[in-house]
């Protein structure tokens, strides 16, 4: 049989770039498959969370094998000087480092974040009893800058207390490594030298993210006594101006990282000059110093995403003549954007806008919700509202402006004085939902009888595929029976905040009608979500702990393949004995396991349980596995 052409093989493996399990399997097929798969796997090594335990140790060990012989000997001597009671076998570790790598892994890297690399080395050092990893970090950084060529993404921080300060841009091979960067992320304290160096080295960046942290020395600094940095303002402005094809910009600023009044004015002018190519613009925590940011939108005719989060001092300047013919997503979160500005954006983009996130938790309590939504936005399919409890009664008129909604989220729970919304609200809500709605998430205090729930479904014209009740009082088996009876024909996923009044028997019966159910810490039917990407896309984000820094992969089937601890045999999909280091778990469980510290958490195959052994306490079960069912072990006893 003729071998597969290299171009076809490469194209096939590129389409599996997010399917790490399949790529690992391809490494065992042949040398040609292995070379192509390894190149894809090492393009973006994941040094950050959720990698932990043996997976992280193995990754760092493999990277250390790429160092030269003299450096390996220095590291071996460093490990040999550790105390004898440190965990891990030092001799075995030094033998691993001395090995020759199968492939030149360091030259394959295209995306690297030096911040997560520093934290990963700290975790690796803790694993082997090495407290100070600054030498390892300095050595690896210099080696990577020398080895890599034409990086796609660079992440870097400036935090002298946490990360060793290395001037990587003055190294001999810096131009070769950083000249083709397409994505740049800065995270840390203000450092004009780093930003200026990037500005000089490359002009090909398409995505810039700048996050400035507060810093220890500024904890008690008043926002009325902020020290501005003119060099910082000029360096950021120069970085933006020098890029030829800038498409995405995000600023996330603390009080310490704010721009001066002159600096924000220059910054807005620079962003406006990039309006021909800019498609995504996000501001978080920015003080605009009464400079109207709407002025920069006059030239941003390609803009598709606009976001203001916790921004202030927008100013009352006249609204310029705007044209946003391509705006698709609008986010206004905890920002005092004037009503006229928001109305103007909605009025000029009502034909194209499809997703609106509106959080008015910092607006005046007298604000009328209907002042914002006064015109029908016929193409909006995703609406998320965080509103005050008193504004709930204004929802019927507001929802009439969105006749083609597909996903709706209503949140009043984050208000400390949030009252209970009784039977009348839920009954009226059913009648106001558009027939096109497929996903409904209610994050509010609700208390209703099974009869009211039945009336809600009777009045609703929507064929819901996903339904979420975040905070419901006294949700019982009878409520679950109503949902099965009224919505089982269309409902594919059900989320409930707690399961104390539900029996495991009723949940298992509901699973026969509703493929995917989450009730508290009980998860039923995870395999269904893995196989149906169209349902995954509609899942309410409130139910999953997703972060902007860790976006879901393009193929949602592998969003749940999350590495946990050094476990070699896991009962995935109800089968024991499968060699794997992944388990299909929800994010809250993952974060719990990470907090529990890997040496104390392990898996008991015989009893299908994850156990934790606390000092001085007997081993006790935390979570129980049974096929595709994941339950809280303690609550399971109560149900039985």
Foldseek 3Di string as FASTA:
>chain_A
DDDDDLVVLLVVVVVCLVVLVVLVVLLPPDVSSVVSSLLSCLQAPDLAPPDDAPRLLVVVLLLLLLDDPVVLVVVLVVLVPADPPFDDDSVVSSVSNPDHHPDNSLQSYQADALVSVLVSQCRNCNNRVHRDCQVVSVVSLQVSLVRYFQHAEYHYEDDVVRHPDDPSLPDPSNLRHQANYAEYEYAEAQDLVVLQSSLVSYQAHAEYEYAHDQDPVRPPPDLVRADADPSSLVSVLSSLQSHDQHAYYEYAYDSNRAHDQVSLVSNLVSLLVNLVRYAYYEYACYENQQDASLVSQQSNQNYAYYEYALYENNHDDDRDDHANARHAEYEYYNYPDDLVVLQVVCVRHLAHYAEYAEHPPNPDPPDAPCSNQVAASARHAYYEYADAQVNLVVVLVRLVSYQQYAEYHYAHQPDPPADEDELVSLLVVQQRDHQNYAYYEYHGEYEYDLVSLLSSLVNHNHLYQEYEDQHYPPDALSNLVSCLVRRLVRHAEYEANACLRYFPVSVVVSCVRHQWYHHNQKTHNPVVCLVDVVVVVRDDCVQAPDDPVDDADPRNSCSQFGFAYPDQWACAQQRTDDGDRGHRHGRVVRVVRVVLDRVQWDADVVQQFIWGDDPPDDIDGQWHDGRRIIDGPVVNVVSD
